[in-house]
Structures are given as C-alpha cells and as structure tokens.
Amino acid sequence: MLNCDQTAQLMVHSSKIYPTEDCTFFHMLARIMSGTLHAGQEVRVLMGEEDSRTLWVGRLWIYEVR
C-alpha cells in the first residue's frame, strides 16, 4: 500500500458515503491506495472491527478540479 502498487491487493479508503434519495444505493467518495477497481467487481467492505459485507461495485466516476 505504501508503494501505491496497482498489481497489489485492492485497498480503498472511503472518506464519505452519500445515500440516494430512496436509500437503496450509496455513492462513496474514496481514494484507491493500492490495487485496481473495476465496475461490476465484487468487493468486501469492512464496516467495523468485526462487521463486513460483500458488495458489488456499480459505476465509477473520477472527479477532478482545476
């Protein structure tokens, strides 16, 4: 993770999670620390020390500023 290696295991740090209006989906603002993330990929999300879920990645957006 320190080398930001795209071939390493996926590690993503989420900084903010926004629910949709009907609360069926979430949009997440995150930074990829290592690995590669693809739309449709199955990932394990850690939500605490002992709580985790397996979820699917939807669409990906790359936000940027000037």
C-alpha atoms as a PDB file:
ATOM      1  CA  MET A   1       0.000   0.000   0.000  1.00  0.00           C
ATOM      2  CA  LEU A   2       2.889   2.381   0.667  1.00  0.00           C
ATOM      3  CA  ASN A   3       4.090   1.976  -2.930  1.00  0.00           C
ATOM      4  CA  CYS A   4       0.590   2.562  -4.460  1.00  0.00           C
ATOM      5  CA  ASP A   5       1.085  -0.636  -6.482  1.00  0.00           C
ATOM      6  CA  GLN A   6      -1.729  -1.266  -8.986  1.00  0.00           C
ATOM      7  CA  THR A   7      -0.944  -5.001  -9.051  1.00  0.00           C
ATOM      8  CA  ALA A   8      -1.242  -5.403  -5.262  1.00  0.00           C
ATOM      9  CA  GLN A   9      -4.359  -6.339  -3.277  1.00  0.00           C
ATOM     10  CA  LEU A  10      -7.146  -3.763  -3.521  1.00  0.00           C
ATOM     11  CA  MET A  11      -7.232  -1.271  -0.642  1.00  0.00           C
ATOM     12  CA  VAL A  12      -9.638   1.688  -0.749  1.00  0.00           C
ATOM     13  CA  HIS A  13     -10.063   4.366   1.915  1.00  0.00           C
ATOM     14  CA  SER A  14     -13.603   5.771   1.948  1.00  0.00           C
ATOM     15  CA  SER A  15     -13.961   9.295   3.265  1.00  0.00           C
ATOM     16  CA  LYS A  16     -17.673   9.963   2.722  1.00  0.00           C
ATOM     17  CA  ILE A  17     -20.754   7.860   1.901  1.00  0.00           C
ATOM     18  CA  TYR A  18     -23.846   9.522   0.418  1.00  0.00           C
ATOM     19  CA  PRO A  19     -27.164   7.589   0.292  1.00  0.00           C
ATOM     20  CA  THR A  20     -29.512   8.016  -2.677  1.00  0.00           C
ATOM     21  CA  GLU A  21     -32.908   9.652  -2.111  1.00  0.00           C
ATOM     22  CA  ASP A  22     -34.672   6.280  -1.752  1.00  0.00           C
ATOM     23  CA  CYS A  23     -31.785   4.846   0.356  1.00  0.00           C
ATOM     24  CA  THR A  24     -31.361   1.799  -1.881  1.00  0.00           C
ATOM     25  CA  PHE A  25     -27.827   2.687  -3.053  1.00  0.00           C
ATOM     26  CA  PHE A  26     -24.864   4.642  -1.803  1.00  0.00           C
ATOM     27  CA  HIS A  27     -22.356   6.887  -3.528  1.00  0.00           C
ATOM     28  CA  MET A  28     -18.920   6.773  -1.960  1.00  0.00           C
ATOM     29  CA  LEU A  29     -16.092   9.295  -2.155  1.00  0.00           C
ATOM     30  CA  ALA A  30     -12.912   7.255  -1.794  1.00  0.00           C
ATOM     31  CA  ARG A  31      -9.228   7.059  -2.609  1.00  0.00           C
ATOM     32  CA  ILE A  32      -7.669   3.901  -4.039  1.00  0.00           C
ATOM     33  CA  MET A  33      -4.488   3.218  -2.074  1.00  0.00           C
ATOM     34  CA  SER A  34      -3.416   0.069  -3.966  1.00  0.00           C
ATOM     35  CA  GLY A  35      -4.815  -2.372  -6.498  1.00  0.00           C
ATOM     36  CA  THR A  36      -7.274  -1.721  -9.315  1.00  0.00           C
ATOM     37  CA  LEU A  37     -11.035  -1.208  -9.014  1.00  0.00           C
ATOM     38  CA  HIS A  38     -13.449  -2.101 -11.837  1.00  0.00           C
ATOM     39  CA  ALA A  39     -17.191  -1.573 -12.301  1.00  0.00           C
ATOM     40  CA  GLY A  40     -19.039  -4.812 -11.576  1.00  0.00           C
ATOM     41  CA  GLN A  41     -16.290  -6.091  -9.295  1.00  0.00           C
ATOM     42  CA  GLU A  42     -17.230  -7.909  -6.086  1.00  0.00           C
ATOM     43  CA  VAL A  43     -15.529  -6.370  -3.027  1.00  0.00           C
ATOM     44  CA  ARG A  44     -15.581  -6.969   0.717  1.00  0.00           C
ATOM     45  CA  VAL A  45     -16.434  -3.846   2.703  1.00  0.00           C
ATOM     46  CA  LEU A  46     -15.258  -3.601   6.311  1.00  0.00           C
ATOM     47  CA  MET A  47     -17.700  -1.611   8.448  1.00  0.00           C
ATOM     48  CA  GLY A  48     -16.056  -2.064  11.817  1.00  0.00           C
ATOM     49  CA  GLU A  49     -13.685  -4.384  13.588  1.00  0.00           C
ATOM     50  CA  GLU A  50     -15.914  -7.446  13.225  1.00  0.00           C
ATOM     51  CA  ASP A  51     -18.539  -6.416  10.646  1.00  0.00           C
ATOM     52  CA  SER A  52     -18.007  -6.907   6.898  1.00  0.00           C
ATOM     53  CA  ARG A  53     -20.196  -7.398   3.813  1.00  0.00           C
ATOM     54  CA  THR A  54     -19.592  -8.484   0.241  1.00  0.00           C
ATOM     55  CA  LEU A  55     -20.950  -5.907  -2.215  1.00  0.00           C
ATOM     56  CA  TRP A  56     -20.791  -5.151  -5.951  1.00  0.00           C
ATOM     57  CA  VAL A  57     -19.186  -2.031  -7.404  1.00  0.00           C
ATOM     58  CA  GLY A  58     -21.558  -0.046  -9.615  1.00  0.00           C
ATOM     59  CA  ARG A  59     -20.468   2.791 -11.844  1.00  0.00           C
ATOM     60  CA  LEU A  60     -17.170   4.553 -11.274  1.00  0.00           C
ATOM     61  CA  TRP A  61     -16.610   8.292 -11.638  1.00  0.00           C
ATOM     62  CA  ILE A  62     -13.370  10.217 -11.468  1.00  0.00           C
ATOM     63  CA  TYR A  63     -13.897  13.664 -10.012  1.00  0.00           C
ATOM     64  CA  GLU A  64     -11.295  16.322 -10.586  1.00  0.00           C
ATOM     65  CA  VAL A  65     -10.878  20.042 -10.055  1.00  0.00           C
ATOM     66  CA  ARG A  66      -8.828  22.713 -11.716  1.00  0.00           C
END
